[in-house]
Each structure stands twice: as structure tokens, then as C-alpha cells.
């Protein structure tokens, strides 16, 4: 089973809120820093249609959530 993937940037308060939510729900996830990883940044731009919203979460079923709580 694949894990949840979250695109983040350092110092993002909404990214930290999403981490807190994942912890409280027992969700395991991987993170990609969209500021230091060129491939991650390119994928984030593709997923967000160029808006670069963080956090962007890709769930194991393939659905994409833009922004904390889906409000990007």
C-alpha cells in the first residue's frame, strides 16, 4: 500500500497544521520539499496547475488535496 505524500516548504504554518492532523489521525506520510527539490517543485506545479499551493497532499488513492484541509 502506498503512503500519503505531502509537498511542503520550510516554515509553512499550514504544512505544520497538516502534519498535526496526520499525527492525530495516525496517518503515515512522506514529504517532499518543493523549495529544494527541483523534481518535487515541477510535480507540485503540475498538480496545482501552476499555483504552487502548499501543503499539497496526494492520498494513496490518487486524490489530490490542495492546501490545508483542502482549501487551497
N, C-alpha and C. Protein backbone atom coordinates (compact mmCIF):
# COMPACT_ATOMS: atom_id res chain seq x y z
N UNK A 1 0.85 -1.18 0.00
CA UNK A 1 0.00 0.00 0.00
C UNK A 1 0.89 1.23 0.00
N UNK A 2 0.59 2.20 -0.85
CA UNK A 2 1.40 3.40 -0.89
C UNK A 2 0.99 4.34 0.24
N UNK A 3 1.92 5.22 0.56
CA UNK A 3 1.68 6.17 1.64
C UNK A 3 1.23 7.51 1.09
N UNK A 4 0.71 8.31 1.97
CA UNK A 4 0.34 9.67 1.64
C UNK A 4 1.60 10.47 1.38
N UNK A 5 1.55 11.37 0.41
CA UNK A 5 2.69 12.20 0.06
C UNK A 5 2.29 13.66 0.21
N UNK A 6 3.13 14.45 0.89
CA UNK A 6 2.82 15.86 1.09
C UNK A 6 3.97 16.73 0.58
N UNK A 7 3.62 17.67 -0.29
CA UNK A 7 4.57 18.66 -0.78
C UNK A 7 4.53 19.85 0.19
N UNK A 8 5.70 20.27 0.64
CA UNK A 8 5.80 21.31 1.68
C UNK A 8 6.87 22.32 1.31
N UNK A 9 6.92 23.42 2.11
CA UNK A 9 8.05 24.34 2.08
C UNK A 9 8.39 24.68 3.52
N UNK A 10 9.65 24.92 3.81
CA UNK A 10 10.07 25.22 5.18
C UNK A 10 9.33 26.44 5.74
N UNK A 11 8.97 26.34 7.01
CA UNK A 11 8.32 27.46 7.70
C UNK A 11 6.85 27.65 7.40
N UNK A 12 6.26 26.76 6.63
CA UNK A 12 4.85 26.89 6.26
C UNK A 12 3.96 26.49 7.44
N UNK A 13 3.19 27.44 8.00
CA UNK A 13 2.33 27.09 9.14
C UNK A 13 1.21 26.13 8.75
N UNK A 14 0.73 26.19 7.52
CA UNK A 14 -0.34 25.28 7.09
C UNK A 14 0.19 23.87 6.92
N UNK A 15 1.47 23.76 6.52
CA UNK A 15 2.09 22.43 6.43
C UNK A 15 2.17 21.81 7.82
N UNK A 16 2.53 22.61 8.81
CA UNK A 16 2.61 22.10 10.18
C UNK A 16 1.23 21.69 10.69
N UNK A 17 0.22 22.43 10.36
CA UNK A 17 -1.14 22.05 10.77
C UNK A 17 -1.55 20.73 10.14
N UNK A 18 -1.16 20.53 8.87
CA UNK A 18 -1.49 19.26 8.21
C UNK A 18 -0.73 18.12 8.88
N UNK A 19 0.53 18.35 9.25
CA UNK A 19 1.30 17.31 9.98
C UNK A 19 0.60 16.95 11.28
N UNK A 20 0.15 17.97 12.01
CA UNK A 20 -0.55 17.72 13.28
C UNK A 20 -1.80 16.90 13.04
N UNK A 21 -2.53 17.21 11.99
CA UNK A 21 -3.74 16.45 11.67
C UNK A 21 -3.38 15.00 11.35
N UNK A 22 -2.36 14.81 10.53
CA UNK A 22 -1.95 13.45 10.20
C UNK A 22 -1.56 12.68 11.46
N UNK A 23 -0.79 13.31 12.34
CA UNK A 23 -0.39 12.64 13.59
C UNK A 23 -1.61 12.24 14.41
N UNK A 24 -2.56 13.15 14.54
CA UNK A 24 -3.73 12.87 15.36
C UNK A 24 -4.60 11.77 14.76
N UNK A 25 -4.55 11.63 13.43
CA UNK A 25 -5.35 10.60 12.75
C UNK A 25 -4.57 9.31 12.51
N UNK A 26 -3.30 9.29 12.90
CA UNK A 26 -2.48 8.10 12.71
C UNK A 26 -2.07 7.85 11.27
N UNK A 27 -2.06 8.89 10.47
CA UNK A 27 -1.68 8.78 9.06
C UNK A 27 -0.16 8.80 8.96
N UNK A 28 0.40 7.89 8.16
CA UNK A 28 1.82 7.94 7.85
C UNK A 28 1.99 8.61 6.51
N UNK A 29 3.02 9.43 6.37
CA UNK A 29 3.19 10.17 5.14
C UNK A 29 4.67 10.41 4.87
N UNK A 30 4.94 10.75 3.63
CA UNK A 30 6.27 11.17 3.20
C UNK A 30 6.15 12.63 2.77
N UNK A 31 7.25 13.36 2.88
CA UNK A 31 7.26 14.76 2.50
C UNK A 31 8.30 15.03 1.43
N UNK A 32 7.97 15.97 0.55
CA UNK A 32 8.90 16.48 -0.44
C UNK A 32 8.95 17.99 -0.29
N UNK A 33 10.16 18.53 -0.16
CA UNK A 33 10.36 19.97 -0.02
C UNK A 33 10.37 20.58 -1.42
N UNK A 34 9.35 21.32 -1.74
CA UNK A 34 9.21 21.91 -3.07
C UNK A 34 10.15 23.08 -3.30
N UNK A 35 10.87 23.51 -2.27
CA UNK A 35 11.81 24.61 -2.45
C UNK A 35 13.22 24.13 -2.77
N UNK A 36 13.57 22.94 -2.34
CA UNK A 36 14.94 22.46 -2.56
C UNK A 36 15.04 21.29 -3.53
N UNK A 37 13.93 20.67 -3.86
CA UNK A 37 13.91 19.51 -4.74
C UNK A 37 13.26 19.92 -6.07
N UNK A 38 14.07 20.04 -7.11
CA UNK A 38 13.56 20.53 -8.41
C UNK A 38 12.47 19.64 -8.99
N UNK A 39 12.65 18.34 -8.87
CA UNK A 39 11.63 17.41 -9.40
C UNK A 39 10.33 17.55 -8.62
N UNK A 40 10.44 17.72 -7.30
CA UNK A 40 9.23 17.90 -6.47
C UNK A 40 8.53 19.20 -6.84
N UNK A 41 9.32 20.26 -7.06
CA UNK A 41 8.73 21.54 -7.43
C UNK A 41 7.99 21.43 -8.77
N UNK A 42 8.59 20.75 -9.73
CA UNK A 42 7.94 20.58 -11.03
C UNK A 42 6.64 19.79 -10.90
N UNK A 43 6.65 18.75 -10.07
CA UNK A 43 5.44 17.96 -9.87
C UNK A 43 4.38 18.77 -9.13
N UNK A 44 4.79 19.56 -8.14
CA UNK A 44 3.84 20.42 -7.43
C UNK A 44 3.17 21.40 -8.39
N UNK A 45 3.97 22.00 -9.26
CA UNK A 45 3.41 22.93 -10.24
C UNK A 45 2.40 22.22 -11.13
N UNK A 46 2.71 20.99 -11.54
CA UNK A 46 1.77 20.22 -12.36
C UNK A 46 0.49 19.91 -11.60
N UNK A 47 0.63 19.47 -10.36
CA UNK A 47 -0.53 19.08 -9.55
C UNK A 47 -1.44 20.27 -9.24
N UNK A 48 -0.85 21.45 -9.08
CA UNK A 48 -1.62 22.63 -8.67
C UNK A 48 -1.93 23.57 -9.83
N UNK A 49 -1.71 23.11 -11.04
CA UNK A 49 -1.94 23.93 -12.25
C UNK A 49 -1.19 25.25 -12.17
N UNK A 50 0.02 25.19 -11.62
CA UNK A 50 0.89 26.36 -11.58
C UNK A 50 0.78 27.24 -10.36
N UNK A 51 -0.11 26.93 -9.44
CA UNK A 51 -0.31 27.82 -8.30
C UNK A 51 0.65 27.57 -7.14
N UNK A 52 1.30 26.42 -7.09
CA UNK A 52 2.30 26.08 -6.07
C UNK A 52 1.76 26.13 -4.63
N UNK A 53 0.56 25.69 -4.43
CA UNK A 53 -0.06 25.69 -3.11
C UNK A 53 0.58 24.61 -2.24
N UNK A 54 0.98 25.00 -1.03
CA UNK A 54 1.43 24.02 -0.03
C UNK A 54 0.63 24.21 1.23
N UNK A 55 0.36 23.14 1.93
CA UNK A 55 0.68 21.79 1.53
C UNK A 55 -0.22 21.32 0.40
N UNK A 56 0.35 20.49 -0.45
CA UNK A 56 -0.44 19.72 -1.41
C UNK A 56 -0.25 18.27 -1.02
N UNK A 57 -1.35 17.57 -0.84
CA UNK A 57 -1.32 16.19 -0.37
C UNK A 57 -1.84 15.28 -1.47
N UNK A 58 -1.08 14.22 -1.74
CA UNK A 58 -1.53 13.18 -2.66
C UNK A 58 -1.81 11.95 -1.82
N UNK A 59 -3.09 11.56 -1.78
CA UNK A 59 -3.53 10.44 -0.96
C UNK A 59 -3.24 9.12 -1.70
N UNK A 60 -3.16 8.02 -0.96
CA UNK A 60 -2.87 6.71 -1.58
C UNK A 60 -3.81 6.34 -2.72
N UNK A 61 -5.03 6.83 -2.68
CA UNK A 61 -5.98 6.50 -3.76
C UNK A 61 -5.81 7.41 -4.98
N UNK A 62 -4.83 8.34 -4.91
CA UNK A 62 -4.54 9.22 -6.04
C UNK A 62 -5.22 10.57 -5.99
N UNK A 63 -6.14 10.77 -5.04
CA UNK A 63 -6.78 12.07 -4.94
C UNK A 63 -5.77 13.10 -4.43
N UNK A 64 -5.96 14.34 -4.89
CA UNK A 64 -5.05 15.43 -4.54
C UNK A 64 -5.81 16.46 -3.74
N UNK A 65 -5.22 16.86 -2.61
CA UNK A 65 -5.80 17.87 -1.74
C UNK A 65 -4.89 19.09 -1.80
N UNK A 66 -5.44 20.22 -2.21
CA UNK A 66 -4.68 21.46 -2.29
C UNK A 66 -4.89 22.29 -1.04
N UNK A 67 -3.82 22.59 -0.34
CA UNK A 67 -3.90 23.41 0.85
C UNK A 67 -4.36 22.60 2.07
N UNK A 68 -4.15 23.19 3.24
CA UNK A 68 -4.59 22.54 4.47
C UNK A 68 -6.10 22.38 4.44
N UNK A 69 -6.56 21.20 4.74
CA UNK A 69 -7.99 20.91 4.80
C UNK A 69 -8.68 21.06 3.45
N UNK A 70 -7.90 21.01 2.38
CA UNK A 70 -8.49 21.07 1.05
C UNK A 70 -8.92 22.46 0.60
N UNK A 71 -8.48 23.48 1.31
CA UNK A 71 -8.85 24.85 0.95
C UNK A 71 -7.62 25.59 0.43
N UNK A 72 -7.29 25.36 -0.82
CA UNK A 72 -6.11 25.98 -1.39
C UNK A 72 -6.41 27.17 -2.23
